[in-house]
Each structure stands twice: as structure tokens, then as C-alpha cells.
Protein backbone atom coordinates (compact mmCIF):
# COMPACT_ATOMS: atom_id res chain seq x y z
CA MET A 1 83.41 104.79 109.66
CA GLY A 2 86.33 107.24 109.35
CA PHE A 3 86.24 110.86 110.44
CA PHE A 4 86.25 112.30 106.91
CA ARG A 5 83.50 109.94 105.81
CA VAL A 6 81.38 111.05 108.78
CA VAL A 7 81.94 114.69 107.86
CA ALA A 8 81.04 114.01 104.22
CA ARG A 9 77.90 112.19 105.27
CA ALA A 10 76.89 115.09 107.52
CA ALA A 11 77.43 117.51 104.63
CA VAL A 12 75.07 115.49 102.43
CA MET A 13 72.34 115.50 105.04
CA ALA A 14 72.66 119.30 105.27
CA PHE A 15 71.26 119.61 101.75
CA ALA A 16 67.55 120.35 101.57
CA PHE A 17 65.03 117.89 100.24
CA ARG A 18 63.03 119.08 97.27
CA PRO A 19 59.34 119.50 98.20
CA LEU A 20 56.79 117.44 96.32
CA PRO A 21 55.12 119.40 93.50
CA ARG A 22 51.65 120.92 93.62
CA GLU A 23 49.34 118.56 91.80
CA THR A 24 47.88 121.14 89.47
CA ILE A 25 48.40 121.43 85.74
CA ASN A 26 50.89 124.27 86.26
CA GLY A 27 52.56 122.46 89.13
CA LEU A 28 53.27 119.40 87.00
CA ARG A 29 53.74 120.90 83.55
CA PRO A 30 57.34 121.17 82.36
CA PRO A 31 59.46 123.17 82.43
CA LEU A 32 58.97 124.67 85.88
CA ALA A 33 60.02 128.25 86.52
CA GLY A 34 61.95 128.60 89.76
CA PHE A 35 63.04 124.98 89.81
CA LEU A 36 66.79 124.86 90.56
CA TYR A 37 68.11 122.51 87.92
CA PHE A 38 71.45 120.85 88.71
CA GLN A 39 71.63 122.54 92.10
CA HIS A 40 74.65 121.23 94.05
CA ALA A 41 76.15 119.70 90.91
CA ASP A 42 79.47 120.93 92.28
CA HIS A 43 79.13 118.37 95.09
CA PHE A 44 77.44 115.68 93.01
CA ARG A 45 79.23 115.60 89.69
CA PHE A 46 78.12 113.47 86.78
CA GLN A 47 79.93 110.13 86.85
CA PRO A 48 80.56 109.03 83.23
CA ASP A 49 82.12 105.70 84.24
CA ALA A 50 79.45 104.68 86.76
CA ALA A 51 77.03 102.11 85.39
CA ASP A 52 74.60 102.30 88.31
CA SER A 53 74.74 105.66 90.04
CA PRO A 54 72.23 107.58 92.20
CA VAL A 55 74.13 110.72 91.22
CA ASN A 56 73.60 110.03 87.53
CA ALA A 57 69.95 109.14 88.11
CA TRP A 58 69.30 112.57 89.66
CA TRP A 59 71.52 114.43 87.17
CA LEU A 60 69.87 112.84 84.13
CA ALA A 61 66.37 113.31 85.58
CA ASP A 62 67.09 117.03 85.95
CA ALA A 63 68.36 117.13 82.36
CA SER A 64 65.28 115.27 81.07
CA PHE A 65 63.06 117.77 82.90
CA LEU A 66 64.94 120.86 81.74
CA VAL A 67 64.94 119.84 78.06
CA TYR A 68 61.20 120.63 77.83
CA GLY A 69 62.01 124.34 78.00
CA ASP A 70 62.61 126.68 75.11
CA ALA A 71 66.14 127.70 74.19
CA ARG A 72 66.21 130.80 76.38
CA PHE A 73 64.89 128.94 79.43
CA ILE A 74 67.41 126.14 79.01
CA GLU A 75 70.35 128.48 78.44
CA GLU A 76 69.51 130.63 81.48
CA SER A 77 68.96 127.60 83.72
CA LEU A 78 72.30 126.09 82.72
CA GLN A 79 74.08 129.40 83.16
CA ASN A 80 72.70 129.61 86.69
CA SER A 81 73.86 126.06 87.46
CA ARG A 82 77.28 124.67 88.34
CA LEU A 83 77.72 122.91 85.00
CA PRO A 84 79.62 125.66 83.09
CA SER A 85 82.36 125.61 85.75
CA GLN A 86 82.77 121.88 85.01
CA GLY A 87 83.32 122.55 81.33
CA PHE A 88 79.85 121.53 80.15
CA GLN A 89 78.77 123.16 76.91
CA LEU A 90 75.30 123.15 75.35
CA ASN A 91 74.46 122.04 71.84
CA TRP A 92 71.12 121.28 70.21
CA LEU A 93 69.65 118.19 68.64
CA GLY A 94 67.94 119.98 65.80
CA THR A 95 68.04 123.73 66.29
CA ALA A 96 67.55 126.07 69.22
CA ASP A 97 64.21 127.16 67.75
CA ASP A 98 63.06 123.58 67.06
CA ASN A 99 64.42 121.80 70.10
CA ARG A 100 64.27 118.00 69.71
CA GLY A 101 66.83 117.58 72.44
CA MET A 102 69.97 119.04 73.95
CA VAL A 103 73.55 117.86 74.23
CA LEU A 104 75.65 118.53 77.33
CA SER A 105 79.35 117.87 76.77
CA ASN A 106 82.62 118.29 78.60
CA ALA A 107 85.97 116.54 78.28
CA ALA A 108 84.70 113.45 80.07
CA ALA A 109 81.21 112.94 78.72
CA MET A 110 78.73 113.63 75.95
CA VAL A 111 75.16 113.42 77.25
CA VAL A 112 72.35 113.49 74.68
CA VAL A 113 69.00 114.40 76.25
CA PHE A 114 65.92 113.70 74.12
CA ARG A 115 62.79 115.82 74.64
CA GLY A 116 59.43 114.26 75.48
CA THR A 117 55.87 115.22 74.56
CA ARG A 118 55.16 118.92 74.99
CA VAL A 119 52.14 120.22 76.91
CA GLN A 120 51.31 123.88 76.46
CA VAL A 121 48.84 126.28 78.07
CA HIS A 122 47.39 128.96 75.78
CA ASN A 123 45.28 132.00 76.55
CA LEU A 124 41.92 132.11 74.79
CA LEU A 125 40.80 135.69 74.16
CA ASP A 126 42.38 136.61 77.52
CA LYS A 127 39.36 135.07 79.26
CA ALA A 128 40.36 131.46 79.65
CA GLU A 129 43.26 129.11 79.35
CA ILE A 130 43.30 125.90 77.36
CA VAL A 131 45.78 123.04 77.63
CA LEU A 132 46.98 121.43 74.42
CA TYR A 133 49.38 118.63 73.59
CA ASN A 134 51.71 119.47 70.75
CA GLN A 135 49.95 117.92 67.78
CA SER A 136 53.11 116.56 66.17
CA ASP A 137 54.13 114.86 69.42
CA LEU A 138 50.60 113.52 69.94
CA ARG A 139 50.58 111.90 66.49
CA THR A 140 53.93 110.33 67.29
CA ASP A 141 52.73 108.90 70.62
CA SER A 142 49.46 107.49 69.31
CA ARG A 143 50.67 105.38 66.37
CA PHE A 144 50.92 101.96 67.99
CA PHE A 145 51.40 99.74 64.94
CA PHE A 146 54.76 98.09 64.29
CA LYS A 147 57.40 99.04 61.77
CA ALA A 148 60.51 97.06 60.83
CA ALA A 149 63.66 98.33 62.54
CA LYS A 150 66.94 98.57 60.64
CA VAL A 151 68.76 96.96 63.58
CA GLY A 152 66.34 94.03 63.69
CA GLY A 153 62.91 93.34 65.02
CA ARG A 154 59.97 95.73 64.97
CA VAL A 155 59.36 99.05 66.70
CA HIS A 156 56.53 101.50 67.38
CA SER A 157 55.85 103.25 64.08
CA GLY A 158 55.37 106.73 65.54
CA PHE A 159 58.57 106.56 67.57
CA ALA A 160 60.52 105.19 64.59
CA ASP A 161 59.35 108.02 62.33
CA ALA A 162 60.16 110.61 64.99
CA PHE A 163 63.66 109.19 65.38
CA ALA A 164 64.17 109.17 61.60
CA GLN A 165 63.62 112.94 61.64
CA ILE A 166 66.53 113.48 64.03
CA SER A 167 68.90 110.61 63.21
CA ASP A 168 71.01 112.71 60.81
CA ASP A 169 71.29 115.47 63.43
CA LEU A 170 72.31 112.87 66.00
CA ASP A 171 74.97 111.44 63.70
CA ALA A 172 76.34 114.96 63.14
CA ILE A 173 76.52 115.51 66.90
CA LEU A 174 78.22 112.17 67.48
CA ALA A 175 80.81 113.01 64.83
CA LEU A 176 81.98 115.80 67.16
CA ARG A 177 82.62 113.37 70.01
CA GLN A 178 86.16 113.61 71.32
CA THR A 179 88.45 110.73 72.18
CA GLY A 180 87.75 109.54 75.70
CA GLN A 181 84.29 111.09 75.98
CA LYS A 182 81.77 108.67 77.45
CA LEU A 183 78.46 108.59 75.58
CA TRP A 184 75.17 108.71 77.50
CA PHE A 185 71.56 108.90 76.28
CA THR A 186 68.55 109.87 78.39
CA GLY A 187 65.00 111.18 78.18
CA HIS A 188 61.57 111.26 79.78
CA SER A 189 58.43 109.80 78.18
CA LEU A 190 58.72 110.12 74.39
CA GLY A 191 62.28 111.30 75.06
CA GLY A 192 63.00 107.96 76.73
CA ALA A 193 61.66 106.12 73.69
CA LEU A 194 63.88 108.18 71.38
CA ALA A 195 66.89 107.60 73.64
CA THR A 196 66.21 103.86 73.40
CA LEU A 197 66.06 104.01 69.61
CA ALA A 198 69.25 106.07 69.58
CA ALA A 199 71.02 103.45 71.69
CA ALA A 200 70.01 100.76 69.19
CA HIS A 201 71.11 103.05 66.35
CA VAL A 202 74.67 103.48 67.62
CA GLY A 203 74.96 99.91 68.93
CA PRO A 204 75.36 98.56 72.46
CA ASP A 205 79.17 98.68 72.37
CA SER A 206 79.20 102.39 71.53
CA ILE A 207 77.15 103.67 74.44
CA ASP A 208 78.21 103.92 78.06
CA GLY A 209 74.83 104.61 79.66
CA LEU A 210 71.09 104.71 78.94
CA TYR A 211 68.74 105.98 81.66
CA THR A 212 65.07 106.54 80.83
CA PHE A 213 62.28 108.04 82.95
CA GLY A 214 58.65 107.03 82.45
CA SER A 215 59.46 105.60 79.03
CA PRO A 216 56.86 103.69 77.02
CA ARG A 217 57.65 100.35 75.42
CA VAL A 218 59.45 100.80 72.12
CA GLY A 219 59.71 97.49 70.26
CA ASP A 220 59.42 93.73 70.29
CA GLU A 221 61.69 91.05 71.78
CA ARG A 222 63.99 90.91 68.78
CA PHE A 223 64.53 94.67 68.85
CA ALA A 224 65.06 94.64 72.63
CA ALA A 225 67.83 92.08 72.17
CA VAL A 226 70.04 94.67 70.42
CA LEU A 227 69.81 97.20 73.27
CA PRO A 228 72.70 97.69 75.69
CA THR A 229 72.68 95.71 78.89
CA ARG A 230 75.38 97.67 80.71
CA SER A 231 74.13 100.79 82.48
CA HIS A 232 70.62 100.55 81.05
CA LEU A 233 68.22 101.61 83.81
CA ARG A 234 64.51 102.27 83.41
CA PHE A 235 62.98 104.49 86.13
CA VAL A 236 59.23 104.42 86.86
CA HIS A 237 57.41 106.58 89.43
CA ARG A 238 54.49 105.16 91.41
CA ASN A 239 51.41 104.68 89.16
CA ASP A 240 52.93 106.21 86.01
CA TRP A 241 50.88 104.59 83.25
CA VAL A 242 53.04 105.54 80.24
CA PRO A 243 55.48 102.62 80.80
CA LEU A 244 52.44 100.33 80.42
CA ILE A 245 51.90 101.37 76.81
CA PRO A 246 51.90 100.14 74.12
CA PRO A 247 50.51 96.98 75.74
CA GLU A 248 52.43 93.74 75.92
CA ILE A 249 49.53 91.93 74.29
CA LEU A 250 50.52 93.65 71.04
CA GLY A 251 54.05 92.29 71.31
CA PHE A 252 55.83 95.30 72.83
CA VAL A 253 58.37 94.66 75.61
CA HIS A 254 60.70 96.61 77.88
CA ARG A 255 64.43 96.16 78.24
CA GLY A 256 66.72 97.53 80.92
CA GLU A 257 66.67 97.13 84.68
CA LEU A 258 63.49 98.48 86.25
CA ARG A 259 64.00 100.94 89.11
CA SER A 260 61.02 102.17 91.10
CA VAL A 261 61.39 105.83 92.06
CA PRO A 262 61.07 106.06 95.86
CA GLY A 263 59.61 108.77 98.06
CA SER A 264 55.92 109.03 97.15
CA GLN A 265 53.19 107.79 99.42
CA PRO A 266 50.76 105.28 97.90
CA ARG A 267 47.82 106.87 96.15
CA ASN A 268 44.63 107.40 98.18
CA MET A 269 41.82 107.80 95.68
CA ARG A 270 39.35 109.18 98.21
CA ALA A 271 41.82 111.80 99.48
CA ASP A 272 42.73 112.74 95.91
CA LEU A 273 39.07 113.26 95.05
CA VAL A 274 38.45 115.42 98.13
CA THR A 275 41.57 117.52 97.57
CA GLY A 276 40.84 117.77 93.86
CA PHE A 277 37.28 118.93 94.47
CA GLN A 278 38.48 121.59 96.92
CA ALA A 279 41.08 122.88 94.46
CA PHE A 280 38.55 122.84 91.62
CA SER A 281 36.05 124.81 93.73
CA ALA A 282 38.69 127.40 94.63
CA THR A 283 39.63 127.83 90.96
CA VAL A 284 36.02 128.27 89.89
CA ALA A 285 35.44 130.78 92.70
CA SER A 286 38.49 132.77 91.61
CA ALA A 287 37.37 132.64 87.98
CA SER A 288 33.98 134.10 88.87
CA LYS A 289 35.70 137.11 90.44
CA GLU A 290 38.40 137.65 87.84
CA LEU A 291 36.28 136.65 84.82
CA LYS A 292 39.15 134.48 83.68
CA PHE A 293 39.33 130.70 84.01
CA LYS A 294 42.85 129.55 84.95
CA VAL A 295 43.10 125.99 83.79
CA GLY A 296 46.64 125.78 85.10
CA GLU A 297 45.37 125.96 88.67
CA LEU A 298 43.05 122.99 88.25
CA PRO A 299 43.96 119.79 90.13
CA PHE A 300 45.73 117.18 88.09
CA GLN A 301 45.37 114.05 90.19
CA ILE A 302 44.57 111.34 87.67
CA ALA A 303 47.10 108.99 89.20
CA GLY A 304 48.61 107.48 86.07
CA LEU A 305 49.00 110.86 84.38
CA ALA A 306 50.04 112.95 87.36
CA ASP A 307 52.67 110.40 88.37
CA HIS A 308 54.19 110.66 84.89
CA ALA A 309 55.20 114.30 85.37
CA PRO A 310 58.99 114.75 84.99
CA VAL A 311 59.10 117.02 88.07
CA TYR A 312 58.44 113.93 90.20
CA TYR A 313 61.42 112.10 88.73
CA ALA A 314 63.77 115.06 89.24
CA THR A 315 62.43 115.80 92.73
CA LEU A 316 62.36 112.30 94.16
CA LEU A 317 65.64 111.09 92.69
CA TRP A 318 67.37 114.11 94.24
CA ASN A 319 65.77 113.30 97.58
CA ALA A 320 66.85 109.67 97.26
CA LEU A 321 70.39 110.76 96.43
CA ILE A 322 70.92 112.92 99.50
CA SER A 323 69.36 110.23 101.65
CA SER A 324 71.87 107.62 100.58
CA GLU A 325 74.96 109.11 99.01
CA THR A 326 78.07 111.00 99.98
CA PRO A 327 79.48 113.57 97.56
CA ALA A 328 82.64 112.87 95.61
CA THR A 329 85.54 114.92 96.95
CA ASP A 330 88.49 116.16 94.98
CA GLU A 331 91.73 114.37 95.78
């Protein structure tokens, strides 16, 4: 190993690992205040030409996590990152007020990031908090029956209808694509399903990369056959149950190369129950003093749901990157 390679490797190992998240509702609910999105993107730049890249896996996981925020949160997080210095500009899929996704573009790449299912905590008469799924997103996720796809085969009806609502906006964004810009799609959960439909929409020869995180199955075998094979990676963390739905018995299948997200210890149900009970007891005790029940502090250790949280994907894929990669250096 050459001297400069040794130095580069040492520089990578100097970067800090991201700590695992607190397994409470607030600790796992996107977006996460204080999370440093795209930190060190000056050392680990997005690689538009790389089909299989740990850098891109981390970069796109951060993007798929950040997209859950509102417009102000996203804009401030990007402004505080290294992306503007690399020429990346922000655009919206939909509008800033009705964020269905975001588009990050520079001279080399156009990255379309589709938003997943929103989970929101609301105050109830200033005495309690309640956690709600966005009702529109929930209706989309729960409609398992098939619908014919324009590109062939059959797809999840809810996902197809959700994509139909944004397809014109996507086409308008793609019309702005400059010569030489590589096209990438990504998303977490429902966002991964929409990214998959978008890839089928534009055709496999028009897309340079498709990375999804915790994506459900989208369509049948015939639909899957029209998806890109180059640079199509499907990341799944530990016991994440969302990639298991809709079930195969109904005819739904996955496409893309499966990548298990490393870095989490196997689940220990007994330990989870003990820790969860302790956290629950502490929350109840605090509520009795403050006369306010903070749902966000409750443990969220149902394995298949907790492991689906986008913070895990962004955290662990960063940790995997600095464990195995050296940063690109300018010539």
C-alpha cells in the first residue's frame, strides 16, 4: 500500500462513527433535529458514474432521511452542508409547501428523492401528545390490490395512484435535465416504492441509478422485468418488515440486488422488553409530575417497525462507509 493511500485511509478512520439512535418515537421519527445531514460530503462526494458505491449508499440514505422534513428544515440542513459548494441546487417535486420529494442537481447529476410515509406528533390540549400517520400516506400504503401498469404487468394500486399524482411534476423536472447529467432516483419506504415506479416510468436505459431503503414490494414479475438492472440496489436493515409487504403470496416481487445494512446487533427480545419497560416507567413517572404525557419519549422497540426507521439507514451506511472506504481526492 502506497504512502498516500495509507494517509488517506488514516484520514477516513479519523471520522467519527454516528451513534445508534435512541429507540423512542422521537428518536426514530424523521426528520431528526441536530442530525448532521451530508456531513463530510466534501470528502465523500456523490459518484454519479458509480453503479455500486458505499459513498452513494450513504449519500442517498441521508437524502432519503432529510426529505421527510418541511421546506424550511430541508433548506437549512442543505445550507449547513457541503453540497452548495459542490454546485447542488434544490428543487421540489410538487411544491415546497406540499413536499412529495426533492431534487438535488449539479452539473454532474440530477438526484430525485421521493418522500416516504409521514409520522407526526401532535399536542392534545397541551396535556398529551398523540402520534398520527398522515392519512393520505396511510391510504396509499394500505391498498394492496393490483392495478395494471402502463409499462406492463401489475402494480400496487395505492402506490400507482400516488405516483400518478406526481408524474407530471416529475416529467417537468426531467425536462430541465442538462446534457451530461446522470439521473438517479432514491427513497425510503413509500419513497422507495415511488422511486421504483419512476424508474419504470422513464425506462431502464434513461436512469443511471436506483437505490431504495426499506422499500415495500411494488409489482408483479412482469412489471419487475422492466426495471433497470444496472445500479439497482435495495437496502434492508435488520428486521425491517416493510420490505416483506405486500406478501409474495399475492404475486408481488422485488427486483434489484438486496443489500443488508450492517452494524446492528441481532435483536434480543427479552432485553428489548426490559429496556422498553424501564423507559415506559420513566415516561409515566415524568408525566405524573408534569401533568403532560410525552408520547415521543415512549420506547419504540417493535423490531420490524423500529428497524424501518430511516435514521438507521443513514447512520449505519455512514458507519459502513468510513469503515471500508477512502475518500476521493482531487487530482
